[in-house]
Amino acid sequence: ALEYADDVLRADRGFVLQAVAKNGSALRYADDVLRADRGFVLQAVAKNGSALPHADNVLRADRDFVLQAVAMHNLLEYADNVLRADRGFMLQAVAKRGSALQYADDVLR
């Protein structure tokens, strides 16, 4: 498991992607630089949607990043609460995946 891996392996893109493909939550043990790397995390989410909650908080608050993740999987529940309360953002998310509406802030439902 990645949590027991050496720091060098935790920073190795290929190794971490293999671990995430088997278990999305492995991303939580990846090097912080990888967890904050937009392209890398999108690759990880494409392999296993359950990686998203373990992405850096800055990415989970990034409109464009979250919309890309929502297009792959219905992952809006892991988006920053500010985004889930943003009407414009939610309209975009629902347009990509209708089931995203269930994760909208109560104010919007």
PDB file of N, CA and C in Angstrom:
ATOM      1  N   ALA A   1       0.843  -1.190   0.000  1.00  0.00           N
ATOM      2  CA  ALA A   1       0.000   0.000   0.000  1.00  0.00           C
ATOM      3  C   ALA A   1       0.883   1.247   0.000  1.00  0.00           C
ATOM      4  N   LEU A   2       0.379   2.269  -0.627  1.00  0.00           N
ATOM      5  CA  LEU A   2       1.141   3.503  -0.786  1.00  0.00           C
ATOM      6  C   LEU A   2       1.484   4.150   0.556  1.00  0.00           C
ATOM      7  N   GLU A   3       0.652   3.953   1.544  1.00  0.00           N
ATOM      8  CA  GLU A   3       0.923   4.579   2.841  1.00  0.00           C
ATOM      9  C   GLU A   3       2.222   4.081   3.468  1.00  0.00           C
ATOM     10  N   TYR A   4       2.686   2.921   3.081  1.00  0.00           N
ATOM     11  CA  TYR A   4       3.917   2.366   3.629  1.00  0.00           C
ATOM     12  C   TYR A   4       5.104   2.525   2.676  1.00  0.00           C
ATOM     13  N   ALA A   5       4.850   3.155   1.546  1.00  0.00           N
ATOM     14  CA  ALA A   5       5.900   3.297   0.534  1.00  0.00           C
ATOM     15  C   ALA A   5       6.895   4.392   0.918  1.00  0.00           C
ATOM     16  N   ASP A   6       8.065   4.270   0.379  1.00  0.00           N
ATOM     17  CA  ASP A   6       9.125   5.258   0.547  1.00  0.00           C
ATOM     18  C   ASP A   6       8.687   6.582  -0.083  1.00  0.00           C
ATOM     19  N   ASP A   7       9.216   7.691   0.413  1.00  0.00           N
ATOM     20  CA  ASP A   7       8.866   9.010  -0.117  1.00  0.00           C
ATOM     21  C   ASP A   7       9.148   9.131  -1.609  1.00  0.00           C
ATOM     22  N   VAL A   8      10.180   8.457  -2.072  1.00  0.00           N
ATOM     23  CA  VAL A   8      10.511   8.502  -3.501  1.00  0.00           C
ATOM     24  C   VAL A   8       9.372   7.887  -4.314  1.00  0.00           C
ATOM     25  N   LEU A   9       8.831   6.776  -3.851  1.00  0.00           N
ATOM     26  CA  LEU A   9       7.711   6.135  -4.547  1.00  0.00           C
ATOM     27  C   LEU A   9       6.435   6.962  -4.441  1.00  0.00           C
ATOM     28  N   ARG A  10       6.235   7.621  -3.327  1.00  0.00           N
ATOM     29  CA  ARG A  10       5.049   8.465  -3.156  1.00  0.00           C
ATOM     30  C   ARG A  10       5.055   9.657  -4.110  1.00  0.00           C
ATOM     31  N   ALA A  11       6.234   9.984  -4.627  1.00  0.00           N
ATOM     32  CA  ALA A  11       6.366  11.096  -5.570  1.00  0.00           C
ATOM     33  C   ALA A  11       6.493  10.604  -7.011  1.00  0.00           C
ATOM     34  N   ASP A  12       6.457   9.301  -7.212  1.00  0.00           N
ATOM     35  CA  ASP A  12       6.597   8.712  -8.547  1.00  0.00           C
ATOM     36  C   ASP A  12       5.222   8.630  -9.221  1.00  0.00           C
ATOM     37  N   ARG A  13       5.045   9.407 -10.282  1.00  0.00           N
ATOM     38  CA  ARG A  13       3.742   9.491 -10.946  1.00  0.00           C
ATOM     39  C   ARG A  13       3.195   8.128 -11.369  1.00  0.00           C
ATOM     40  N   GLY A  14       4.006   7.354 -12.021  1.00  0.00           N
ATOM     41  CA  GLY A  14       3.554   6.050 -12.503  1.00  0.00           C
ATOM     42  C   GLY A  14       3.165   5.115 -11.379  1.00  0.00           C
ATOM     43  N   PHE A  15       3.986   5.083 -10.349  1.00  0.00           N
ATOM     44  CA  PHE A  15       3.714   4.209  -9.211  1.00  0.00           C
ATOM     45  C   PHE A  15       2.408   4.620  -8.520  1.00  0.00           C
ATOM     46  N   VAL A  16       2.244   5.929  -8.302  1.00  0.00           N
ATOM     47  CA  VAL A  16       1.041   6.413  -7.617  1.00  0.00           C
ATOM     48  C   VAL A  16      -0.194   6.143  -8.472  1.00  0.00           C
ATOM     49  N   LEU A  17      -0.112   6.344  -9.780  1.00  0.00           N
ATOM     50  CA  LEU A  17      -1.272   6.066 -10.646  1.00  0.00           C
ATOM     51  C   LEU A  17      -1.667   4.596 -10.593  1.00  0.00           C
ATOM     52  N   GLN A  18      -0.693   3.714 -10.542  1.00  0.00           N
ATOM     53  CA  GLN A  18      -1.003   2.287 -10.419  1.00  0.00           C
ATOM     54  C   GLN A  18      -1.705   1.998  -9.093  1.00  0.00           C
ATOM     55  N   ALA A  19      -1.220   2.619  -8.030  1.00  0.00           N
ATOM     56  CA  ALA A  19      -1.843   2.419  -6.717  1.00  0.00           C
ATOM     57  C   ALA A  19      -3.265   2.976  -6.699  1.00  0.00           C
ATOM     58  N   VAL A  20      -3.448   4.152  -7.287  1.00  0.00           N
ATOM     59  CA  VAL A  20      -4.775   4.782  -7.304  1.00  0.00           C
ATOM     60  C   VAL A  20      -5.748   3.981  -8.162  1.00  0.00           C
ATOM     61  N   ALA A  21      -5.275   3.386  -9.241  1.00  0.00           N
ATOM     62  CA  ALA A  21      -6.146   2.574 -10.088  1.00  0.00           C
ATOM     63  C   ALA A  21      -6.770   1.425  -9.299  1.00  0.00           C
ATOM     64  N   LYS A  22      -6.017   0.898  -8.341  1.00  0.00           N
ATOM     65  CA  LYS A  22      -6.516  -0.197  -7.510  1.00  0.00           C
ATOM     66  C   LYS A  22      -7.335   0.293  -6.326  1.00  0.00           C
ATOM     67  N   ASN A  23      -6.948   1.474  -5.797  1.00  0.00           N
ATOM     68  CA  ASN A  23      -7.620   2.013  -4.618  1.00  0.00           C
ATOM     69  C   ASN A  23      -7.507   3.539  -4.665  1.00  0.00           C
ATOM     70  N   GLY A  24      -8.594   4.203  -4.994  1.00  0.00           N
ATOM     71  CA  GLY A  24      -8.581   5.654  -5.148  1.00  0.00           C
ATOM     72  C   GLY A  24      -8.105   6.405  -3.930  1.00  0.00           C
ATOM     73  N   SER A  25      -8.371   5.872  -2.764  1.00  0.00           N
ATOM     74  CA  SER A  25      -7.967   6.568  -1.545  1.00  0.00           C
ATOM     75  C   SER A  25      -6.451   6.564  -1.353  1.00  0.00           C
ATOM     76  N   ALA A  26      -5.738   5.792  -2.163  1.00  0.00           N
ATOM     77  CA  ALA A  26      -4.272   5.799  -2.078  1.00  0.00           C
ATOM     78  C   ALA A  26      -3.717   7.182  -2.378  1.00  0.00           C
ATOM     79  N   LEU A  27      -4.472   8.008  -3.091  1.00  0.00           N
ATOM     80  CA  LEU A  27      -3.991   9.351  -3.418  1.00  0.00           C
ATOM     81  C   LEU A  27      -3.679  10.149  -2.157  1.00  0.00           C
ATOM     82  N   ARG A  28      -4.357   9.860  -1.070  1.00  0.00           N
ATOM     83  CA  ARG A  28      -4.109  10.600   0.170  1.00  0.00           C
ATOM     84  C   ARG A  28      -2.674  10.448   0.660  1.00  0.00           C
ATOM     85  N   TYR A  29      -2.006   9.375   0.256  1.00  0.00           N
ATOM     86  CA  TYR A  29      -0.636   9.126   0.701  1.00  0.00           C
ATOM     87  C   TYR A  29       0.409   9.579  -0.314  1.00  0.00           C
ATOM     88  N   ALA A  30      -0.055  10.099  -1.441  1.00  0.00           N
ATOM     89  CA  ALA A  30       0.876  10.586  -2.466  1.00  0.00           C
ATOM     90  C   ALA A  30       1.557  11.865  -1.988  1.00  0.00           C
ATOM     91  N   ASP A  31       2.666  12.160  -2.590  1.00  0.00           N
ATOM     92  CA  ASP A  31       3.390  13.390  -2.307  1.00  0.00           C
ATOM     93  C   ASP A  31       2.452  14.586  -2.501  1.00  0.00           C
ATOM     94  N   ASP A  32       2.587  15.590  -1.648  1.00  0.00           N
ATOM     95  CA  ASP A  32       1.715  16.772  -1.721  1.00  0.00           C
ATOM     96  C   ASP A  32       1.781  17.463  -3.073  1.00  0.00           C
ATOM     97  N   VAL A  33       2.938  17.432  -3.699  1.00  0.00           N
ATOM     98  CA  VAL A  33       3.076  18.056  -5.022  1.00  0.00           C
ATOM     99  C   VAL A  33       2.174  17.354  -6.029  1.00  0.00           C
ATOM    100  N   LEU A  34       2.112  16.029  -5.976  1.00  0.00           N
ATOM    101  CA  LEU A  34       1.236  15.285  -6.887  1.00  0.00           C
ATOM    102  C   LEU A  34      -0.233  15.547  -6.565  1.00  0.00           C
ATOM    103  N   ARG A  35      -0.568  15.594  -5.300  1.00  0.00           N
ATOM    104  CA  ARG A  35      -1.958  15.817  -4.903  1.00  0.00           C
ATOM    105  C   ARG A  35      -2.462  17.199  -5.324  1.00  0.00           C
ATOM    106  N   ALA A  36      -1.541  18.114  -5.590  1.00  0.00           N
ATOM    107  CA  ALA A  36      -1.903  19.476  -6.008  1.00  0.00           C
ATOM    108  C   ALA A  36      -1.712  19.690  -7.506  1.00  0.00           C
ATOM    109  N   ASP A  37      -1.255  18.672  -8.211  1.00  0.00           N
ATOM    110  CA  ASP A  37      -0.988  18.775  -9.646  1.00  0.00           C
ATOM    111  C   ASP A  37      -2.271  18.479 -10.424  1.00  0.00           C
ATOM    112  N   ARG A  38      -2.814  19.508 -11.038  1.00  0.00           N
ATOM    113  CA  ARG A  38      -4.096  19.410 -11.733  1.00  0.00           C
ATOM    114  C   ARG A  38      -4.136  18.257 -12.745  1.00  0.00           C
ATOM    115  N   GLY A  39      -3.165  18.213 -13.626  1.00  0.00           N
ATOM    116  CA  GLY A  39      -3.146  17.169 -14.652  1.00  0.00           C
ATOM    117  C   GLY A  39      -3.023  15.779 -14.068  1.00  0.00           C
ATOM    118  N   PHE A  40      -2.161  15.646 -13.074  1.00  0.00           N
ATOM    119  CA  PHE A  40      -1.969  14.346 -12.446  1.00  0.00           C
ATOM    120  C   PHE A  40      -3.248  13.877 -11.752  1.00  0.00           C
ATOM    121  N   VAL A  41      -3.865  14.770 -10.998  1.00  0.00           N
ATOM    122  CA  VAL A  41      -5.073  14.363 -10.259  1.00  0.00           C
ATOM    123  C   VAL A  41      -6.210  14.029 -11.227  1.00  0.00           C
ATOM    124  N   LEU A  42      -6.305  14.742 -12.335  1.00  0.00           N
ATOM    125  CA  LEU A  42      -7.328  14.376 -13.332  1.00  0.00           C
ATOM    126  C   LEU A  42      -7.065  12.978 -13.899  1.00  0.00           C
ATOM    127  N   GLN A  43      -5.797  12.639 -14.112  1.00  0.00           N
ATOM    128  CA  GLN A  43      -5.460  11.281 -14.546  1.00  0.00           C
ATOM    129  C   GLN A  43      -5.869  10.273 -13.481  1.00  0.00           C
ATOM    130  N   ALA A  44      -5.594  10.598 -12.233  1.00  0.00           N
ATOM    131  CA  ALA A  44      -5.940   9.697 -11.129  1.00  0.00           C
ATOM    132  C   ALA A  44      -7.453   9.518 -11.034  1.00  0.00           C
ATOM    133  N   VAL A  45      -8.189  10.608 -11.158  1.00  0.00           N
ATOM    134  CA  VAL A  45      -9.652  10.538 -11.088  1.00  0.00           C
ATOM    135  C   VAL A  45     -10.206   9.743 -12.269  1.00  0.00           C
ATOM    136  N   ALA A  46      -9.592   9.879 -13.430  1.00  0.00           N
ATOM    137  CA  ALA A  46     -10.030   9.104 -14.592  1.00  0.00           C
ATOM    138  C   ALA A  46      -9.861   7.607 -14.338  1.00  0.00           C
ATOM    139  N   LYS A  47      -8.806   7.234 -13.629  1.00  0.00           N
ATOM    140  CA  LYS A  47      -8.562   5.824 -13.314  1.00  0.00           C
ATOM    141  C   LYS A  47      -9.476   5.321 -12.197  1.00  0.00           C
ATOM    142  N   ASN A  48      -9.756   6.211 -11.232  1.00  0.00           N
ATOM    143  CA  ASN A  48     -10.561   5.803 -10.090  1.00  0.00           C
ATOM    144  C   ASN A  48     -11.174   7.063  -9.462  1.00  0.00           C
ATOM    145  N   GLY A  49     -12.456   7.235  -9.639  1.00  0.00           N
ATOM    146  CA  GLY A  49     -13.136   8.432  -9.154  1.00  0.00           C
ATOM    147  C   GLY A  49     -13.015   8.665  -7.658  1.00  0.00           C
ATOM    148  N   SER A  50     -12.801   7.604  -6.909  1.00  0.00           N
ATOM    149  CA  SER A  50     -12.718   7.782  -5.460  1.00  0.00           C
ATOM    150  C   SER A  50     -11.425   8.459  -5.023  1.00  0.00           C
ATOM    151  N   ALA A  51     -10.589   8.842  -5.991  1.00  0.00           N
ATOM    152  CA  ALA A  51      -9.369   9.585  -5.658  1.00  0.00           C
ATOM    153  C   ALA A  51      -9.677  11.055  -5.364  1.00  0.00           C
ATOM    154  N   LEU A  52     -10.750  11.579  -5.918  1.00  0.00           N
ATOM    155  CA  LEU A  52     -11.014  13.017  -5.811  1.00  0.00           C
ATOM    156  C   LEU A  52     -11.042  13.559  -4.387  1.00  0.00           C
ATOM    157  N   PRO A  53     -11.661  12.904  -3.426  1.00  0.00           N
ATOM    158  CA  PRO A  53     -11.674  13.487  -2.077  1.00  0.00           C
ATOM    159  C   PRO A  53     -10.281  13.655  -1.475  1.00  0.00           C
ATOM    160  N   HIS A  54      -9.295  13.017  -2.069  1.00  0.00           N
ATOM    161  CA  HIS A  54      -7.942  13.073  -1.522  1.00  0.00           C
ATOM    162  C   HIS A  54      -7.055  14.055  -2.286  1.00  0.00           C
ATOM    163  N   ALA A  55      -7.655  14.755  -3.232  1.00  0.00           N
ATOM    164  CA  ALA A  55      -6.926  15.794  -3.956  1.00  0.00           C
ATOM    165  C   ALA A  55      -6.730  16.998  -3.038  1.00  0.00           C
ATOM    166  N   ASP A  56      -5.783  17.819  -3.386  1.00  0.00           N
ATOM    167  CA  ASP A  56      -5.527  19.037  -2.634  1.00  0.00           C
ATOM    168  C   ASP A  56      -6.802  19.891  -2.582  1.00  0.00           C
ATOM    169  N   ASN A  57      -7.039  20.541  -1.450  1.00  0.00           N
ATOM    170  CA  ASN A  57      -8.250  21.353  -1.273  1.00  0.00           C
ATOM    171  C   ASN A  57      -8.365  22.475  -2.297  1.00  0.00           C
ATOM    172  N   VAL A  58      -7.234  23.014  -2.726  1.00  0.00           N
ATOM    173  CA  VAL A  58      -7.258  24.081  -3.735  1.00  0.00           C
ATOM    174  C   VAL A  58      -7.885  23.555  -5.024  1.00  0.00           C
ATOM    175  N   LEU A  59      -7.546  22.337  -5.417  1.00  0.00           N
ATOM    176  CA  LEU A  59      -8.135  21.751  -6.624  1.00  0.00           C
ATOM    177  C   LEU A  59      -9.624  21.498  -6.436  1.00  0.00           C
ATOM    178  N   ARG A  60     -10.006  21.050  -5.272  1.00  0.00           N
ATOM    179  CA  ARG A  60     -11.421  20.749  -5.025  1.00  0.00           C
ATOM    180  C   ARG A  60     -12.274  22.012  -4.974  1.00  0.00           C
ATOM    181  N   ALA A  61     -11.632  23.178  -4.922  1.00  0.00           N
ATOM    182  CA  ALA A  61     -12.340  24.457  -4.952  1.00  0.00           C
ATOM    183  C   ALA A  61     -12.215  25.140  -6.317  1.00  0.00           C
ATOM    184  N   ASP A  62     -11.538  24.505  -7.246  1.00  0.00           N
ATOM    185  CA  ASP A  62     -11.306  25.060  -8.583  1.00  0.00           C
ATOM    186  C   ASP A  62     -12.459  24.680  -9.515  1.00  0.00           C
ATOM    187  N   ARG A  63     -13.186  25.678  -9.985  1.00  0.00           N
ATOM    188  CA  ARG A  63     -14.379  25.444 -10.812  1.00  0.00           C
ATOM    189  C   ARG A  63     -14.096  24.537 -12.005  1.00  0.00           C
ATOM    190  N   ASP A  64     -13.106  24.906 -12.795  1.00  0.00           N
ATOM    191  CA  ASP A  64     -12.823  24.155 -14.021  1.00  0.00           C
ATOM    192  C   ASP A  64     -12.384  22.727 -13.717  1.00  0.00           C
ATOM    193  N   PHE A  65     -11.553  22.584 -12.709  1.00  0.00           N
ATOM    194  CA  PHE A  65     -11.091  21.257 -12.332  1.00  0.00           C
ATOM    195  C   PHE A  65     -12.270  20.368 -11.917  1.00  0.00           C
ATOM    196  N   VAL A  66     -13.126  20.878 -11.062  1.00  0.00           N
ATOM    197  CA  VAL A  66     -14.252  20.080 -10.570  1.00  0.00           C
ATOM    198  C   VAL A  66     -15.210  19.749 -11.715  1.00  0.00           C
ATOM    199  N   LEU A  67     -15.432  20.686 -12.629  1.00  0.00           N
ATOM    200  CA  LEU A  67     -16.305  20.395 -13.775  1.00  0.00           C
ATOM    201  C   LEU A  67     -15.721  19.275 -14.629  1.00  0.00           C
ATOM    202  N   GLN A  68     -14.416  19.252 -14.800  1.00  0.00           N
ATOM    203  CA  GLN A  68     -13.788  18.159 -15.547  1.00  0.00           C
ATOM    204  C   GLN A  68     -13.971  16.834 -14.821  1.00  0.00           C
ATOM    205  N   ALA A  69     -13.831  16.844 -13.510  1.00  0.00           N
ATOM    206  CA  ALA A  69     -14.016  15.622 -12.723  1.00  0.00           C
ATOM    207  C   ALA A  69     -15.473  15.153 -12.789  1.00  0.00           C
ATOM    208  N   VAL A  70     -16.402  16.095 -12.718  1.00  0.00           N
ATOM    209  CA  VAL A  70     -17.830  15.753 -12.778  1.00  0.00           C
ATOM    210  C   VAL A  70     -18.173  15.145 -14.138  1.00  0.00           C
ATOM    211  N   ALA A  71     -17.522  15.607 -15.178  1.00  0.00           N
ATOM    212  CA  ALA A  71     -17.769  15.052 -16.504  1.00  0.00           C
ATOM    213  C   ALA A  71     -17.357  13.576 -16.578  1.00  0.00           C
ATOM    214  N   MET A  72     -16.367  13.177 -15.784  1.00  0.00           N
ATOM    215  CA  MET A  72     -15.901  11.782 -15.770  1.00  0.00           C
ATOM    216  C   MET A  72     -16.744  10.902 -14.857  1.00  0.00           C
ATOM    217  N   HIS A  73     -17.059  11.440 -13.696  1.00  0.00           N
ATOM    218  CA  HIS A  73     -17.786  10.688 -12.663  1.00  0.00           C
ATOM    219  C   HIS A  73     -18.674  11.678 -11.912  1.00  0.00           C
ATOM    220  N   ASN A  74     -19.692  11.187 -11.255  1.00  0.00           N
ATOM    221  CA  ASN A  74     -20.538  12.062 -10.441  1.00  0.00           C
ATOM    222  C   ASN A  74     -19.849  12.264  -9.090  1.00  0.00           C
ATOM    223  N   LEU A  75     -18.922  13.213  -9.068  1.00  0.00           N
ATOM    224  CA  LEU A  75     -18.072  13.399  -7.896  1.00  0.00           C
ATOM    225  C   LEU A  75     -18.317  14.717  -7.189  1.00  0.00           C
ATOM    226  N   LEU A  76     -19.422  15.348  -7.465  1.00  0.00           N
ATOM    227  CA  LEU A  76     -19.662  16.677  -6.929  1.00  0.00           C
ATOM    228  C   LEU A  76     -19.715  16.694  -5.406  1.00  0.00           C
ATOM    229  N   GLU A  77     -20.032  15.596  -4.799  1.00  0.00           N
ATOM    230  CA  GLU A  77     -20.098  15.552  -3.341  1.00  0.00           C
ATOM    231  C   GLU A  77     -18.755  15.893  -2.696  1.00  0.00           C
ATOM    232  N   TYR A  78     -17.664  15.770  -3.451  1.00  0.00           N
ATOM    233  CA  TYR A  78     -16.337  16.060  -2.910  1.00  0.00           C
ATOM    234  C   TYR A  78     -15.848  17.458  -3.257  1.00  0.00           C
ATOM    235  N   ALA A  79     -16.674  18.207  -3.958  1.00  0.00           N
ATOM    236  CA  ALA A  79     -16.310  19.575  -4.314  1.00  0.00           C
ATOM    237  C   ALA A  79     -16.426  20.473  -3.086  1.00  0.00           C
ATOM    238  N   ASP A  80     -15.723  21.566  -3.142  1.00  0.00           N
ATOM    239  CA  ASP A  80     -15.780  22.556  -2.075  1.00  0.00           C
ATOM    240  C   ASP A  80     -17.229  23.032  -1.892  1.00  0.00           C
ATOM    241  N   ASN A  81     -17.643  23.275  -0.660  1.00  0.00           N
ATOM    242  CA  ASN A  81     -19.015  23.695  -0.366  1.00  0.00           C
ATOM    243  C   ASN A  81     -19.378  25.017  -1.036  1.00  0.00           C
ATOM    244  N   VAL A  82     -18.407  25.897  -1.195  1.00  0.00           N
ATOM    245  CA  VAL A  82     -18.674  27.180  -1.855  1.00  0.00           C
ATOM    246  C   VAL A  82     -19.130  26.939  -3.290  1.00  0.00           C
ATOM    247  N   LEU A  83     -18.490  25.988  -3.979  1.00  0.00           N
ATOM    248  CA  LEU A  83     -18.900  25.670  -5.346  1.00  0.00           C
ATOM    249  C   LEU A  83     -20.299  25.067  -5.375  1.00  0.00           C
ATOM    250  N   ARG A  84     -20.588  24.224  -4.424  1.00  0.00           N
ATOM    251  CA  ARG A  84     -21.900  23.557  -4.407  1.00  0.00           C
ATOM    252  C   ARG A  84     -23.032  24.525  -4.089  1.00  0.00           C
ATOM    253  N   ALA A  85     -22.700  25.717  -3.606  1.00  0.00           N
ATOM    254  CA  ALA A  85     -23.704  26.746  -3.320  1.00  0.00           C
ATOM    255  C   ALA A  85     -23.737  27.818  -4.412  1.00  0.00           C
ATOM    256  N   ASP A  86     -22.896  27.682  -5.414  1.00  0.00           N
ATOM    257  CA  ASP A  86     -22.806  28.658  -6.498  1.00  0.00           C
ATOM    258  C   ASP A  86     -23.760  28.265  -7.630  1.00  0.00           C
ATOM    259  N   ARG A  87     -24.758  29.093  -7.859  1.00  0.00           N
ATOM    260  CA  ARG A  87     -25.801  28.767  -8.848  1.00  0.00           C
ATOM    261  C   ARG A  87     -25.221  28.529 -10.245  1.00  0.00           C
ATOM    262  N   GLY A  88     -24.357  29.421 -10.691  1.00  0.00           N
ATOM    263  CA  GLY A  88     -23.763  29.287 -12.023  1.00  0.00           C
ATOM    264  C   GLY A  88     -22.963  28.005 -12.168  1.00  0.00           C
ATOM    265  N   PHE A  89     -22.176  27.712 -11.144  1.00  0.00           N
ATOM    266  CA  PHE A  89     -21.385  26.483 -11.175  1.00  0.00           C
ATOM    267  C   PHE A  89     -22.297  25.263 -11.222  1.00  0.00           C
ATOM    268  N   MET A  90     -23.309  25.252 -10.379  1.00  0.00           N
ATOM    269  CA  MET A  90     -24.204  24.092 -10.322  1.00  0.00           C
ATOM    270  C   MET A  90     -24.949  23.899 -11.640  1.00  0.00           C
ATOM    271  N   LEU A  91     -25.319  24.980 -12.295  1.00  0.00           N
ATOM    272  CA  LEU A  91     -25.971  24.842 -13.602  1.00  0.00           C
ATOM    273  C   LEU A  91     -25.037  24.161 -14.598  1.00  0.00           C
ATOM    274  N   GLN A  92     -23.773  24.534 -14.563  1.00  0.00           N
ATOM    275  CA  GLN A  92     -22.788  23.898 -15.439  1.00  0.00           C
ATOM    276  C   GLN A  92     -22.604  22.426 -15.080  1.00  0.00           C
ATOM    277  N   ALA A  93     -22.519  22.128 -13.796  1.00  0.00           N
ATOM    278  CA  ALA A  93     -22.315  20.753 -13.349  1.00  0.00           C
ATOM    279  C   ALA A  93     -23.501  19.874 -13.730  1.00  0.00           C
ATOM    280  N   VAL A  94     -24.699  20.381 -13.542  1.00  0.00           N
ATOM    281  CA  VAL A  94     -25.902  19.611 -13.871  1.00  0.00           C
ATOM    282  C   VAL A  94     -26.002  19.409 -15.383  1.00  0.00           C
ATOM    283  N   ALA A  95     -25.560  20.387 -16.158  1.00  0.00           N
ATOM    284  CA  ALA A  95     -25.561  20.235 -17.619  1.00  0.00           C
ATOM    285  C   ALA A  95     -24.632  19.101 -18.044  1.00  0.00           C
ATOM    286  N   LYS A  96     -23.547  18.898 -17.313  1.00  0.00           N
ATOM    287  CA  LYS A  96     -22.602  17.813 -17.622  1.00  0.00           C
ATOM    288  C   LYS A  96     -23.112  16.466 -17.129  1.00  0.00           C
ATOM    289  N   ARG A  97     -23.750  16.500 -15.962  1.00  0.00           N
ATOM    290  CA  ARG A  97     -24.234  15.257 -15.348  1.00  0.00           C
ATOM    291  C   ARG A  97     -25.428  15.614 -14.476  1.00  0.00           C
ATOM    292  N   GLY A  98     -26.609  15.302 -14.949  1.00  0.00           N
ATOM    293  CA  GLY A  98     -27.843  15.680 -14.265  1.00  0.00           C
ATOM    294  C   GLY A  98     -27.917  15.246 -12.821  1.00  0.00           C
ATOM    295  N   SER A  99     -27.328  14.099 -12.518  1.00  0.00           N
ATOM    296  CA  SER A  99     -27.392  13.588 -11.146  1.00  0.00           C
ATOM    297  C   SER A  99     -26.576  14.436 -10.169  1.00  0.00           C
ATOM    298  N   ALA A 100     -25.795  15.390 -10.679  1.00  0.00           N
ATOM    299  CA  ALA A 100     -25.009  16.268  -9.800  1.00  0.00           C
ATOM    300  C   ALA A 100     -25.912  17.134  -8.930  1.00  0.00           C
ATOM    301  N   LEU A 101     -27.142  17.331  -9.358  1.00  0.00           N
ATOM    302  CA  LEU A 101     -28.072  18.186  -8.619  1.00  0.00           C
ATOM    303  C   LEU A 101     -28.248  17.737  -7.173  1.00  0.00           C
ATOM    304  N   GLN A 102     -28.163  16.453  -6.935  1.00  0.00           N
ATOM    305  CA  GLN A 102     -28.349  15.940  -5.569  1.00  0.00           C
ATOM    306  C   GLN A 102     -27.308  16.484  -4.588  1.00  0.00           C
ATOM    307  N   TYR A 103     -26.188  16.999  -5.104  1.00  0.00           N
ATOM    308  CA  TYR A 103     -25.121  17.504  -4.233  1.00  0.00           C
ATOM    309  C   TYR A 103     -25.119  19.021  -4.121  1.00  0.00           C
ATOM    310  N   ALA A 104     -26.111  19.656  -4.708  1.00  0.00           N
ATOM    311  CA  ALA A 104     -26.205  21.116  -4.590  1.00  0.00           C
ATOM    312  C   ALA A 104     -26.494  21.500  -3.145  1.00  0.00           C
ATOM    313  N   ASP A 105     -26.024  22.663  -2.777  1.00  0.00           N
ATOM    314  CA  ASP A 105     -26.315  23.197  -1.438  1.00  0.00           C
ATOM    315  C   ASP A 105     -27.822  23.328  -1.262  1.00  0.00           C
ATOM    316  N   ASP A 106     -28.304  23.151  -0.066  1.00  0.00           N
ATOM    317  CA  ASP A 106     -29.739  23.241   0.214  1.00  0.00           C
ATOM    318  C   ASP A 106     -30.360  24.553  -0.256  1.00  0.00           C
ATOM    319  N   VAL A 107     -29.590  25.607  -0.235  1.00  0.00           N
ATOM    320  CA  VAL A 107     -30.092  26.921  -0.673  1.00  0.00           C
ATOM    321  C   VAL A 107     -30.546  26.887  -2.135  1.00  0.00           C
ATOM    322  N   LEU A 108     -29.908  26.035  -2.935  1.00  0.00           N
ATOM    323  CA  LEU A 108     -30.219  25.969  -4.367  1.00  0.00           C
ATOM    324  C   LEU A 108     -31.278  24.926  -4.709  1.00  0.00           C
ATOM    325  N   ARG A 109     -31.603  24.052  -3.805  1.00  0.00           N
ATOM    326  CA  ARG A 109     -32.574  22.998  -4.122  1.00  0.00           C
ATOM    327  C   ARG A 109     -33.972  23.416  -3.848  1.00  0.00           C
TER     328      ARG A 109
END
